[in-house]
Amino acid sequence: MKLQYWDCVLEDMAHAEAATCAAATAGGNYGVAQEKFKVKSKCNANDETLAKIKKWWTDGAKKQTNQEQVADNDNFSNMANAASIGFACTYQYCSGELNSVCFYNEKLPGVGANLYEPGQNGKYCDNCKQLGGGAKAPCVDALCQVPFEQRELSSNILS
């Protein structure tokens, strides 16, 4: 799997979607994860959102039997999608609920398709992408460290 980098453009896009308080749609080739949930009036939104994202991972991992995307597990699948290396999450208060939305720079491949290539015999870094000059991307904590370039914000990025 690849290390994912925070993408400021995706953060702006996610914020625009979260602010609508409706079901988030990423459009184009972007992935999206979302959940609206009840919160106390004086909650810490950052802690609540981080806890929710961790829950997406742990609950979603329990539904996976292998590396293939399964139905009704998109929040987890977007995090595990090796094609995505850029992401951002944000939140918005919506009538007593916190609307947590994350955008990913690649859409999901589809149910039954591989989200990632599993490492063989615990060799998680063997599948790291070849970089220029034939060298493999560095691997740290079982995550391939591929280069990521921030994009400039455009008013029509969702088009």
C-alpha atoms as a PDB file:
ATOM      1  CA  MET A   1       0.000   0.000   0.000  1.00  0.00           C
ATOM      2  CA  LYS A   2       1.035   3.595  -0.453  1.00  0.00           C
ATOM      3  CA  LEU A   3       1.427   6.365   2.055  1.00  0.00           C
ATOM      4  CA  GLN A   4      -1.404   8.859   1.585  1.00  0.00           C
ATOM      5  CA  TYR A   5      -0.677  12.590   1.591  1.00  0.00           C
ATOM      6  CA  TRP A   6      -2.936  15.440   2.698  1.00  0.00           C
ATOM      7  CA  ASP A   7      -4.236  17.294  -0.367  1.00  0.00           C
ATOM      8  CA  CYS A   8      -5.343  20.896   0.194  1.00  0.00           C
ATOM      9  CA  VAL A   9      -7.398  20.936  -3.013  1.00  0.00           C
ATOM     10  CA  LEU A  10      -9.300  17.841  -1.876  1.00  0.00           C
ATOM     11  CA  GLU A  11      -9.811  19.507   1.511  1.00  0.00           C
ATOM     12  CA  ASP A  12     -11.521  22.465  -0.180  1.00  0.00           C
ATOM     13  CA  MET A  13     -13.650  20.092  -2.247  1.00  0.00           C
ATOM     14  CA  ALA A  14     -14.615  18.012   0.799  1.00  0.00           C
ATOM     15  CA  HIS A  15     -15.478  21.141   2.766  1.00  0.00           C
ATOM     16  CA  ALA A  16     -17.758  22.387  -0.012  1.00  0.00           C
ATOM     17  CA  GLU A  17     -19.592  19.037   0.005  1.00  0.00           C
ATOM     18  CA  ALA A  18     -19.773  18.808   3.811  1.00  0.00           C
ATOM     19  CA  ALA A  19     -21.271  22.303   3.989  1.00  0.00           C
ATOM     20  CA  THR A  20     -24.274  21.200   1.922  1.00  0.00           C
ATOM     21  CA  CYS A  21     -25.240  18.735   4.702  1.00  0.00           C
ATOM     22  CA  ALA A  22     -26.441  16.368   1.954  1.00  0.00           C
ATOM     23  CA  ALA A  23     -25.068  13.090   0.656  1.00  0.00           C
ATOM     24  CA  ALA A  24     -21.566  13.833  -0.630  1.00  0.00           C
ATOM     25  CA  THR A  25     -20.796  13.251  -4.280  1.00  0.00           C
ATOM     26  CA  ALA A  26     -17.214  13.506  -5.459  1.00  0.00           C
ATOM     27  CA  GLY A  27     -17.774  13.507  -9.209  1.00  0.00           C
ATOM     28  CA  GLY A  28     -15.039  12.829 -11.719  1.00  0.00           C
ATOM     29  CA  ASN A  29     -12.445  10.296 -10.681  1.00  0.00           C
ATOM     30  CA  TYR A  30     -12.551  11.053  -6.959  1.00  0.00           C
ATOM     31  CA  GLY A  31     -13.431   8.763  -4.076  1.00  0.00           C
ATOM     32  CA  VAL A  32     -15.604   9.922  -1.192  1.00  0.00           C
ATOM     33  CA  ALA A  33     -16.330   8.668   2.317  1.00  0.00           C
ATOM     34  CA  GLN A  34     -19.001  10.228   4.510  1.00  0.00           C
ATOM     35  CA  GLU A  35     -20.973   9.724   7.678  1.00  0.00           C
ATOM     36  CA  LYS A  36     -23.361  11.980   9.564  1.00  0.00           C
ATOM     37  CA  PHE A  37     -23.698  11.242  13.269  1.00  0.00           C
ATOM     38  CA  LYS A  38     -25.235  12.781  16.378  1.00  0.00           C
ATOM     39  CA  VAL A  39     -22.915  14.751  18.635  1.00  0.00           C
ATOM     40  CA  LYS A  40     -23.219  16.592  21.921  1.00  0.00           C
ATOM     41  CA  SER A  41     -23.568  20.335  21.567  1.00  0.00           C
ATOM     42  CA  LYS A  42     -20.122  20.960  23.088  1.00  0.00           C
ATOM     43  CA  CYS A  43     -18.125  18.194  21.441  1.00  0.00           C
ATOM     44  CA  ASN A  44     -14.610  18.411  20.098  1.00  0.00           C
ATOM     45  CA  ALA A  45     -15.245  17.993  16.373  1.00  0.00           C
ATOM     46  CA  ASN A  46     -11.635  17.041  15.578  1.00  0.00           C
ATOM     47  CA  ASP A  47     -11.641  14.212  18.139  1.00  0.00           C
ATOM     48  CA  GLU A  48     -15.098  13.055  17.036  1.00  0.00           C
ATOM     49  CA  THR A  49     -14.062  13.001  13.369  1.00  0.00           C
ATOM     50  CA  LEU A  50     -10.786  11.183  14.059  1.00  0.00           C
ATOM     51  CA  ALA A  51     -12.621   8.571  16.146  1.00  0.00           C
ATOM     52  CA  LYS A  52     -15.154   8.075  13.343  1.00  0.00           C
ATOM     53  CA  ILE A  53     -12.423   7.613  10.713  1.00  0.00           C
ATOM     54  CA  LYS A  54     -10.641   5.058  12.920  1.00  0.00           C
ATOM     55  CA  LYS A  55     -13.973   3.241  13.304  1.00  0.00           C
ATOM     56  CA  TRP A  56     -14.407   3.211   9.503  1.00  0.00           C
ATOM     57  CA  TRP A  57     -11.055   1.409   9.291  1.00  0.00           C
ATOM     58  CA  THR A  58     -11.573  -1.135  12.086  1.00  0.00           C
ATOM     59  CA  ASP A  59     -15.187  -1.953  11.201  1.00  0.00           C
ATOM     60  CA  GLY A  60     -14.412  -2.054   7.482  1.00  0.00           C
ATOM     61  CA  ALA A  61     -11.404  -4.332   7.923  1.00  0.00           C
ATOM     62  CA  LYS A  62     -13.670  -6.878   9.624  1.00  0.00           C
ATOM     63  CA  LYS A  63     -15.802  -7.061   6.457  1.00  0.00           C
ATOM     64  CA  GLN A  64     -12.786  -7.808   4.237  1.00  0.00           C
ATOM     65  CA  THR A  65     -11.677 -11.383   3.597  1.00  0.00           C
ATOM     66  CA  ASN A  66      -8.969 -10.361   1.114  1.00  0.00           C
ATOM     67  CA  GLN A  67      -7.824  -7.365  -0.950  1.00  0.00           C
ATOM     68  CA  GLU A  68     -10.965  -7.207  -3.113  1.00  0.00           C
ATOM     69  CA  GLN A  69     -13.454  -4.371  -2.755  1.00  0.00           C
ATOM     70  CA  VAL A  70     -16.683  -5.574  -1.148  1.00  0.00           C
ATOM     71  CA  ALA A  71     -20.134  -3.993  -1.344  1.00  0.00           C
ATOM     72  CA  ASP A  72     -21.260  -1.522   1.331  1.00  0.00           C
ATOM     73  CA  ASN A  73     -17.745  -0.940   2.659  1.00  0.00           C
ATOM     74  CA  ASP A  74     -16.772   2.202   0.744  1.00  0.00           C
ATOM     75  CA  ASN A  75     -15.491   4.220   3.717  1.00  0.00           C
ATOM     76  CA  PHE A  76     -12.874   1.526   4.412  1.00  0.00           C
ATOM     77  CA  SER A  77     -12.255   0.790   0.734  1.00  0.00           C
ATOM     78  CA  ASN A  78     -11.359   4.405  -0.031  1.00  0.00           C
ATOM     79  CA  MET A  79      -8.716   4.322   2.707  1.00  0.00           C
ATOM     80  CA  ALA A  80      -7.312   0.980   1.483  1.00  0.00           C
ATOM     81  CA  ASN A  81      -7.366   1.888  -2.220  1.00  0.00           C
ATOM     82  CA  ALA A  82      -3.704   1.759  -3.284  1.00  0.00           C
ATOM     83  CA  ALA A  83      -4.438   3.966  -6.296  1.00  0.00           C
ATOM     84  CA  SER A  84      -5.169   6.915  -3.972  1.00  0.00           C
ATOM     85  CA  ILE A  85      -2.224   8.810  -2.587  1.00  0.00           C
ATOM     86  CA  GLY A  86      -3.965  12.131  -1.935  1.00  0.00           C
ATOM     87  CA  PHE A  87      -6.806  12.620   0.541  1.00  0.00           C
ATOM     88  CA  ALA A  88      -8.417  15.146   2.860  1.00  0.00           C
ATOM     89  CA  CYS A  89     -11.174  15.071   5.455  1.00  0.00           C
ATOM     90  CA  THR A  90     -13.315  17.771   6.980  1.00  0.00           C
ATOM     91  CA  TYR A  91     -16.602  18.217   8.821  1.00  0.00           C
ATOM     92  CA  GLN A  92     -19.600  20.497   9.133  1.00  0.00           C
ATOM     93  CA  TYR A  93     -22.272  20.792  11.823  1.00  0.00           C
ATOM     94  CA  CYS A  94     -25.694  20.043  10.331  1.00  0.00           C
ATOM     95  CA  SER A  95     -28.749  20.304  12.611  1.00  0.00           C
ATOM     96  CA  GLY A  96     -27.239  18.529  15.621  1.00  0.00           C
ATOM     97  CA  GLU A  97     -25.155  16.135  13.548  1.00  0.00           C
ATOM     98  CA  LEU A  98     -21.543  16.210  12.508  1.00  0.00           C
ATOM     99  CA  ASN A  99     -21.154  15.591   8.786  1.00  0.00           C
ATOM    100  CA  SER A 100     -17.689  14.044   8.267  1.00  0.00           C
ATOM    101  CA  VAL A 101     -16.539  13.916   4.640  1.00  0.00           C
ATOM    102  CA  CYS A 102     -13.266  12.645   3.142  1.00  0.00           C
ATOM    103  CA  PHE A 103     -12.202  12.934  -0.486  1.00  0.00           C
ATOM    104  CA  TYR A 104      -9.577  10.734  -2.184  1.00  0.00           C
ATOM    105  CA  ASN A 105      -7.766  11.500  -5.425  1.00  0.00           C
ATOM    106  CA  GLU A 106      -8.856   8.205  -7.061  1.00  0.00           C
ATOM    107  CA  LYS A 107     -12.286   6.611  -7.247  1.00  0.00           C
ATOM    108  CA  LEU A 108     -12.828   3.027  -6.162  1.00  0.00           C
ATOM    109  CA  PRO A 109     -12.167   0.305  -8.760  1.00  0.00           C
ATOM    110  CA  GLY A 110     -15.508  -1.500  -8.247  1.00  0.00           C
ATOM    111  CA  VAL A 111     -16.818  -4.421  -6.213  1.00  0.00           C
ATOM    112  CA  GLY A 112     -14.652  -7.504  -6.758  1.00  0.00           C
ATOM    113  CA  ALA A 113     -11.649  -5.540  -8.034  1.00  0.00           C
ATOM    114  CA  ASN A 114      -8.412  -5.431  -6.050  1.00  0.00           C
ATOM    115  CA  LEU A 115      -7.922  -2.434  -3.780  1.00  0.00           C
ATOM    116  CA  TYR A 116      -4.226  -3.253  -3.439  1.00  0.00           C
ATOM    117  CA  GLU A 117      -1.733  -6.015  -4.173  1.00  0.00           C
ATOM    118  CA  PRO A 118      -1.030  -7.988  -1.011  1.00  0.00           C
ATOM    119  CA  GLY A 119       2.581  -8.542   0.013  1.00  0.00           C
ATOM    120  CA  GLN A 120       3.703 -12.136  -0.268  1.00  0.00           C
ATOM    121  CA  ASN A 121       4.968 -13.868   2.877  1.00  0.00           C
ATOM    122  CA  GLY A 122       5.028 -10.632   4.868  1.00  0.00           C
ATOM    123  CA  LYS A 123       7.087  -8.771   2.251  1.00  0.00           C
ATOM    124  CA  TYR A 124       4.836  -5.721   2.089  1.00  0.00           C
ATOM    125  CA  CYS A 125       7.311  -3.544   0.214  1.00  0.00           C
ATOM    126  CA  ASP A 126       7.903  -5.875  -2.740  1.00  0.00           C
ATOM    127  CA  ASN A 127       5.067  -4.237  -4.692  1.00  0.00           C
ATOM    128  CA  CYS A 128       6.350  -0.661  -4.363  1.00  0.00           C
ATOM    129  CA  LYS A 129       6.252   1.204  -7.656  1.00  0.00           C
ATOM    130  CA  GLN A 130       9.329   1.585  -9.811  1.00  0.00           C
ATOM    131  CA  LEU A 131      10.561   5.166  -9.895  1.00  0.00           C
ATOM    132  CA  GLY A 132      12.817   6.806 -12.454  1.00  0.00           C
ATOM    133  CA  GLY A 133      16.164   5.083 -12.964  1.00  0.00           C
ATOM    134  CA  GLY A 134      14.775   1.659 -12.063  1.00  0.00           C
ATOM    135  CA  ALA A 135      14.797   2.214  -8.299  1.00  0.00           C
ATOM    136  CA  LYS A 136      11.773   1.248  -6.224  1.00  0.00           C
ATOM    137  CA  ALA A 137       9.915   3.776  -4.108  1.00  0.00           C
ATOM    138  CA  PRO A 138      11.180   3.776  -0.518  1.00  0.00           C
ATOM    139  CA  CYS A 139       9.104   1.754   1.930  1.00  0.00           C
ATOM    140  CA  VAL A 140       8.497   2.835   5.543  1.00  0.00           C
ATOM    141  CA  ASP A 141       6.192   1.012   7.964  1.00  0.00           C
ATOM    142  CA  ALA A 142       4.945  -1.208   5.095  1.00  0.00           C
ATOM    143  CA  LEU A 143       3.837   1.849   3.068  1.00  0.00           C
ATOM    144  CA  CYS A 144       5.364   2.752  -0.297  1.00  0.00           C
ATOM    145  CA  GLN A 145       6.547   6.374  -0.286  1.00  0.00           C
ATOM    146  CA  VAL A 146       5.654   7.521  -3.808  1.00  0.00           C
ATOM    147  CA  PRO A 147       6.025  11.185  -4.809  1.00  0.00           C
ATOM    148  CA  PHE A 148       2.939  13.382  -4.562  1.00  0.00           C
ATOM    149  CA  GLU A 149       2.448  16.817  -6.074  1.00  0.00           C
ATOM    150  CA  GLN A 150      -0.039  19.304  -4.668  1.00  0.00           C
ATOM    151  CA  ARG A 151      -2.325  20.784  -7.299  1.00  0.00           C
ATOM    152  CA  GLU A 152      -3.478  24.361  -7.570  1.00  0.00           C
ATOM    153  CA  LEU A 153      -7.072  25.062  -6.595  1.00  0.00           C
ATOM    154  CA  SER A 154      -9.319  25.657  -9.582  1.00  0.00           C
ATOM    155  CA  SER A 155     -12.880  26.938  -9.466  1.00  0.00           C
ATOM    156  CA  ASN A 156     -14.042  24.075 -11.718  1.00  0.00           C
ATOM    157  CA  ILE A 157     -12.113  21.201 -10.087  1.00  0.00           C
ATOM    158  CA  LEU A 158     -15.265  19.084  -9.649  1.00  0.00           C
ATOM    159  CA  SER A 159     -16.165  19.313 -13.322  1.00  0.00           C
END
